[in-house]
Amino acid sequence: MKYKLLILLLAGTTLYSCSDREPGLLLVNEGNSDRIDEPVTLAKNALVGLIGAIPENRIPLPVNSNGDTIPFQLDDLDGDNSWDELFFLLSCKAGSKQKIYFRFPDKTMILVFTKRVNVQFMKAMPPYEQITSAERLRSRDTESSSAAFFMEGPVWENDKVAFRNYFDARNGMDIFGKKVTRLVFGDTSLVHQDYHQMLDWGMDILKVANSLGAGAIGMWRDNKLYRIDSAEKSTYRLVSNGPLRAVLQFRFEGWQAEGRSYTVLHQVSIWGGSHCYQSQVQSQVCTVMKNC
């Protein structure tokens, strides 16, 4: 069955929006099924190549052919205080085409979009401070991680499902099944709930135990699986928290296996409407006792 969404970058190609001629995006669903909440990501340099230079201190506003603003966000992935990617969601009926244009409003606009994702990483004790960066615990037991972090580590969710990472040497991934579309985590009332039992919003549905769980990373070498866990330094950084996409990064420096030392970057992304999250993994290797 054909199930494909085709995105055409039409730089230098004439598109029509009312009477204007301008470059833009043409999205074509060539499949025979509707695509709902399809993620579209444009790197900043790709957008410049598409529509030309972006005016200083102005933001690109994606609009449809009727001129209606499409909910979007700008994400700074490398932490240099300048956005790197433009992200939005589109739904396309089977066999349909959509044209997307970009506007640069002359005056400051306050845009409020429905929040469809959330990241919760809180300290375990009142006032339950939110954590945007931290170093991973070296312990391997629930008691230690529960004493440091509520839910034992960061939780990321959307309107469909939620996940969490055991932010200690276990580095496992857990799943929360949701019965509601509202964002659940971040509410401190959860502190007094047993999420292993069915609640009004759902429950923990995966018994992770000693496994990698739902998408934790490992390395397969010489017919043996190595869990990416304890490292010389292992950190967390919150990159973006919605409204449409949440991005967080786990970094492992000096992780060792089979006489080699690795630096591994594990980036996790989730967006509205998805029943899963996306992992992007980068690694660098050197021999032990030698600089990378």
Protein backbone atom coordinates (compact mmCIF):
# COMPACT_ATOMS: atom_id res chain seq x y z
CA MET A 1 0.00 0.00 0.00
CA LYS A 2 1.39 3.42 -0.94
CA TYR A 3 1.77 5.53 2.18
CA LYS A 4 3.98 8.47 1.47
CA LEU A 5 4.06 12.18 2.17
CA LEU A 6 6.14 14.06 -0.39
CA ILE A 7 7.62 17.43 0.59
CA LEU A 8 8.88 19.58 -2.27
CA LEU A 9 11.13 22.57 -1.57
CA LEU A 10 10.12 24.96 -4.29
CA ALA A 11 12.92 27.51 -4.18
CA GLY A 12 12.75 29.64 -7.28
CA THR A 13 9.48 28.00 -8.34
CA THR A 14 6.42 30.17 -8.75
CA LEU A 15 3.56 29.51 -6.34
CA TYR A 16 0.41 31.58 -6.03
CA SER A 17 -1.11 32.88 -2.81
CA CYS A 18 -4.00 35.12 -3.82
CA SER A 19 -2.25 37.32 -6.37
CA ASP A 20 1.26 37.03 -4.93
CA ARG A 21 4.02 35.03 -6.56
CA GLU A 22 6.49 33.61 -4.07
CA PRO A 23 8.48 30.49 -3.17
CA GLY A 24 7.16 28.10 -0.55
CA LEU A 25 6.56 24.47 0.33
CA LEU A 26 4.36 22.10 -1.61
CA LEU A 27 3.32 19.06 0.42
CA VAL A 28 1.82 16.17 -1.52
CA ASN A 29 0.26 13.08 0.07
CA GLU A 30 0.70 10.47 -2.66
CA GLY A 31 -0.70 7.67 -0.49
CA ASN A 32 -4.26 6.44 -0.16
CA SER A 33 -4.46 7.14 3.58
CA ASP A 34 -4.83 10.42 5.41
CA ARG A 35 -1.77 11.66 7.27
CA ILE A 36 -2.64 13.21 10.62
CA ASP A 37 -0.24 15.45 12.56
CA GLU A 38 2.62 14.87 10.18
CA PRO A 39 5.82 16.51 11.53
CA VAL A 40 7.59 18.98 9.25
CA THR A 41 11.07 20.20 10.21
CA LEU A 42 12.99 22.90 8.36
CA ALA A 43 16.56 23.73 9.27
CA LYS A 44 17.23 27.46 9.32
CA ASN A 45 19.76 27.31 6.50
CA ALA A 46 17.33 25.25 4.39
CA LEU A 47 14.64 27.87 4.91
CA VAL A 48 17.08 30.62 3.89
CA GLY A 49 17.87 28.64 0.75
CA LEU A 50 14.16 28.36 0.06
CA ILE A 51 12.88 31.91 0.62
CA GLY A 52 16.03 34.03 0.86
CA ALA A 53 17.55 35.94 3.77
CA ILE A 54 15.50 36.14 6.95
CA PRO A 55 15.11 39.75 8.14
CA GLU A 56 16.98 40.51 11.37
CA ASN A 57 14.96 40.02 14.55
CA ARG A 58 11.98 38.70 12.58
CA ILE A 59 10.45 35.25 12.77
CA PRO A 60 9.19 33.22 9.80
CA LEU A 61 5.44 32.72 10.17
CA PRO A 62 4.16 29.68 8.24
CA VAL A 63 0.73 30.23 6.69
CA ASN A 64 -1.54 28.20 4.44
CA SER A 65 -2.96 29.34 1.10
CA ASN A 66 -5.77 31.17 2.93
CA GLY A 67 -3.24 33.17 4.94
CA ASP A 68 -4.07 31.37 8.21
CA THR A 69 -1.16 30.91 10.62
CA ILE A 70 -0.04 27.31 11.12
CA PRO A 71 0.97 26.55 14.75
CA PHE A 72 4.75 26.25 14.87
CA GLN A 73 7.82 26.60 17.06
CA LEU A 74 11.45 27.61 16.65
CA ASP A 75 14.00 25.40 18.42
CA ASP A 76 17.58 26.17 19.47
CA LEU A 77 19.18 22.72 19.36
CA ASP A 78 22.81 23.66 19.99
CA GLY A 79 22.18 26.12 22.83
CA ASP A 80 23.72 29.18 21.17
CA ASN A 81 20.60 31.32 21.79
CA SER A 82 19.71 31.35 18.10
CA TRP A 83 17.05 29.08 16.61
CA ASP A 84 18.17 26.23 14.34
CA GLU A 85 14.93 24.57 13.25
CA LEU A 86 11.37 25.54 12.44
CA PHE A 87 8.87 22.82 13.36
CA PHE A 88 5.15 22.42 12.68
CA LEU A 89 2.50 19.73 12.23
CA LEU A 90 0.24 19.26 9.23
CA SER A 91 -2.62 16.92 8.40
CA CYS A 92 -3.01 15.90 4.77
CA LYS A 93 -5.88 13.97 3.24
CA ALA A 94 -5.07 11.11 0.88
CA GLY A 95 -4.09 12.41 -2.54
CA SER A 96 -4.16 16.04 -1.43
CA LYS A 97 -1.73 18.91 -1.92
CA GLN A 98 -1.00 21.83 0.40
CA LYS A 99 1.05 24.97 -0.22
CA ILE A 100 2.83 26.61 2.69
CA TYR A 101 4.17 30.16 2.58
CA PHE A 102 6.14 32.27 5.07
CA ARG A 103 5.41 35.77 6.35
CA PHE A 104 7.51 38.17 8.42
CA PRO A 105 5.15 40.33 10.51
CA ASP A 106 6.17 44.00 10.75
CA LYS A 107 5.17 44.31 14.39
CA THR A 108 5.59 42.12 17.46
CA MET A 109 2.96 39.40 17.69
CA ILE A 110 2.02 37.30 20.69
CA LEU A 111 1.20 33.85 19.37
CA VAL A 112 -0.38 31.31 21.71
CA PHE A 113 -0.81 27.74 20.51
CA THR A 114 -2.37 24.78 22.29
CA LYS A 115 0.32 22.93 24.23
CA ARG A 116 0.41 19.31 23.08
CA VAL A 117 3.67 18.11 24.65
CA ASN A 118 5.34 18.44 28.01
CA VAL A 119 8.57 17.53 29.80
CA GLN A 120 8.59 17.02 33.55
CA PHE A 121 11.83 16.58 35.48
CA MET A 122 11.38 17.56 39.12
CA LYS A 123 13.27 17.24 42.35
CA ALA A 124 11.70 14.71 44.68
CA MET A 125 11.03 17.05 47.60
CA PRO A 126 8.92 20.23 47.89
CA PRO A 127 8.83 22.71 46.26
CA TYR A 128 9.44 20.18 43.45
CA GLU A 129 11.77 22.42 41.44
CA GLN A 130 11.95 21.78 37.72
CA ILE A 131 15.31 20.55 36.39
CA THR A 132 16.63 21.64 32.99
CA SER A 133 20.10 20.10 33.32
CA ALA A 134 21.58 17.49 35.64
CA GLU A 135 24.26 14.83 36.02
CA ARG A 136 23.10 11.20 36.02
CA LEU A 137 23.17 9.23 39.27
CA ARG A 138 25.54 6.28 39.48
CA SER A 139 23.21 4.17 41.61
CA ARG A 140 21.11 1.32 40.21
CA ASP A 141 18.19 1.20 42.64
CA THR A 142 14.77 2.79 42.83
CA GLU A 143 15.30 4.00 46.38
CA SER A 144 18.22 6.26 45.43
CA SER A 145 16.68 7.72 42.26
CA SER A 146 13.27 8.22 43.95
CA ALA A 147 14.96 10.16 46.74
CA ALA A 148 16.55 12.51 44.20
CA PHE A 149 13.94 12.85 41.45
CA PHE A 150 10.17 12.62 41.28
CA MET A 151 9.30 9.75 38.91
CA GLU A 152 13.01 8.75 39.14
CA GLY A 153 13.92 10.91 36.16
CA PRO A 154 12.59 12.99 33.25
CA VAL A 155 9.15 12.29 31.78
CA TRP A 156 8.10 13.37 28.29
CA GLU A 157 4.52 13.15 27.06
CA ASN A 158 2.07 14.25 24.41
CA ASP A 159 -1.69 13.93 24.03
CA LYS A 160 -1.40 10.17 23.37
CA VAL A 161 1.29 8.60 25.56
CA ALA A 162 4.12 9.29 28.03
CA PHE A 163 7.61 7.93 28.61
CA ARG A 164 10.31 8.30 31.26
CA ASN A 165 13.99 7.61 31.74
CA TYR A 166 15.45 6.10 34.90
CA PHE A 167 18.07 8.78 35.44
CA ASP A 168 20.65 6.53 37.05
CA ALA A 169 23.03 3.80 35.87
CA ARG A 170 20.10 1.63 34.73
CA ASN A 171 19.22 4.10 31.95
CA GLY A 172 15.99 2.24 31.15
CA MET A 173 12.92 3.65 29.38
CA ASP A 174 9.38 3.24 30.70
CA ILE A 175 5.91 3.74 29.15
CA PHE A 176 2.78 5.30 30.64
CA GLY A 177 -0.46 4.45 28.87
CA LYS A 178 -2.86 7.40 28.82
CA LYS A 179 -6.67 7.35 28.74
CA VAL A 180 -6.93 11.13 28.35
CA THR A 181 -5.61 13.67 25.85
CA ARG A 182 -4.74 16.29 28.46
CA LEU A 183 -1.15 16.70 29.61
CA VAL A 184 -0.88 14.87 32.92
CA PHE A 185 2.68 15.24 34.18
CA GLY A 186 3.83 18.38 35.90
CA ASP A 187 0.87 18.22 38.29
CA THR A 188 2.29 17.71 41.79
CA SER A 189 -0.89 15.86 42.81
CA LEU A 190 0.72 12.85 41.10
CA VAL A 191 3.15 12.72 44.01
CA HIS A 192 0.38 11.13 46.08
CA GLN A 193 -0.80 8.67 43.43
CA ASP A 194 0.28 5.10 42.78
CA TYR A 195 0.87 5.14 39.03
CA HIS A 196 1.28 1.35 39.02
CA GLN A 197 -2.50 1.16 39.53
CA MET A 198 -5.10 2.29 36.99
CA LEU A 199 -5.95 5.97 37.56
CA ASP A 200 -8.32 8.36 35.80
CA TRP A 201 -5.55 9.33 33.34
CA GLY A 202 -3.90 5.90 32.89
CA MET A 203 -0.96 4.05 34.45
CA ASP A 204 2.57 2.69 34.11
CA ILE A 205 2.17 -0.16 31.59
CA LEU A 206 5.72 -1.55 31.19
CA LYS A 207 7.68 -3.67 33.63
CA VAL A 208 11.19 -2.53 32.74
CA ALA A 209 13.13 -4.42 35.46
CA ASN A 210 16.70 -4.98 34.18
CA SER A 211 15.84 -4.58 30.50
CA LEU A 212 16.52 -1.56 28.29
CA GLY A 213 12.79 -0.98 28.25
CA ALA A 214 11.10 1.13 25.58
CA GLY A 215 13.98 2.42 23.50
CA ALA A 216 16.98 2.84 25.79
CA ILE A 217 20.18 2.43 23.79
CA GLY A 218 22.90 -0.19 23.92
CA MET A 219 25.72 -1.50 21.76
CA TRP A 220 25.84 -4.93 20.16
CA ARG A 221 29.44 -6.15 19.73
CA ASP A 222 30.86 -9.65 19.33
CA ASN A 223 27.43 -11.21 20.00
CA LYS A 224 27.10 -9.36 23.28
CA LEU A 225 24.83 -6.48 24.30
CA TYR A 226 26.36 -3.63 26.27
CA ARG A 227 24.03 -1.31 28.11
CA ILE A 228 24.99 2.35 27.78
CA ASP A 229 24.87 3.24 31.44
CA SER A 230 27.68 4.36 33.72
CA ALA A 231 30.15 6.75 32.12
CA GLU A 232 32.82 9.12 33.36
CA LYS A 233 30.22 11.83 32.94
CA SER A 234 26.57 11.45 31.98
CA THR A 235 24.25 14.45 31.68
CA TYR A 236 20.75 15.61 30.76
CA ARG A 237 19.77 18.82 29.00
CA LEU A 238 16.29 20.09 28.19
CA VAL A 239 16.42 21.50 24.67
CA SER A 240 12.79 22.40 23.99
CA ASN A 241 9.45 22.00 25.75
CA GLY A 242 6.65 22.57 23.28
CA PRO A 243 4.06 23.63 22.42
CA LEU A 244 4.19 21.09 19.57
CA ARG A 245 7.48 19.28 20.10
CA ALA A 246 9.65 18.47 23.09
CA VAL A 247 13.37 17.69 22.73
CA LEU A 248 15.78 16.45 25.40
CA GLN A 249 19.34 15.19 25.25
CA PHE A 250 21.23 12.54 27.19
CA ARG A 251 25.02 12.71 26.85
CA PHE A 252 27.48 10.00 27.92
CA GLU A 253 31.20 10.87 28.01
CA GLY A 254 33.83 8.23 28.65
CA TRP A 255 31.49 5.22 28.41
CA GLN A 256 33.70 2.13 28.10
CA ALA A 257 33.24 -1.25 26.44
CA GLU A 258 35.72 -3.80 25.06
CA GLY A 259 38.76 -1.60 25.63
CA ARG A 260 37.29 1.44 23.96
CA SER A 261 35.89 4.70 25.28
CA TYR A 262 32.86 6.29 23.67
CA THR A 263 31.07 9.62 23.76
CA VAL A 264 27.39 9.10 22.96
CA LEU A 265 24.68 11.72 22.43
CA HIS A 266 21.10 10.42 22.62
CA GLN A 267 18.50 12.99 21.55
CA VAL A 268 14.83 12.24 22.25
CA SER A 269 11.94 14.06 20.52
CA ILE A 270 8.17 13.74 20.87
CA TRP A 271 5.44 15.73 19.13
CA GLY A 272 1.69 16.06 19.34
CA GLY A 273 -0.41 13.22 17.97
CA SER A 274 2.40 10.63 17.88
CA HIS A 275 2.16 7.26 19.64
CA CYS A 276 5.95 7.04 19.97
CA TYR A 277 9.05 9.17 20.40
CA GLN A 278 12.03 9.58 18.08
CA SER A 279 15.64 8.79 18.98
CA GLN A 280 18.70 10.23 17.28
CA VAL A 281 22.05 8.79 18.36
CA GLN A 282 25.56 10.07 17.63
CA SER A 283 28.77 8.50 18.89
CA GLN A 284 32.51 9.10 18.90
CA VAL A 285 35.04 6.41 19.82
CA CYS A 286 38.66 6.32 20.95
CA THR A 287 40.88 3.78 22.67
CA VAL A 288 40.95 3.84 26.44
CA MET A 289 43.61 6.16 27.91
CA LYS A 290 43.87 8.12 24.64
CA ASN A 291 42.29 11.47 23.91
CA CYS A 292 39.38 11.51 21.41
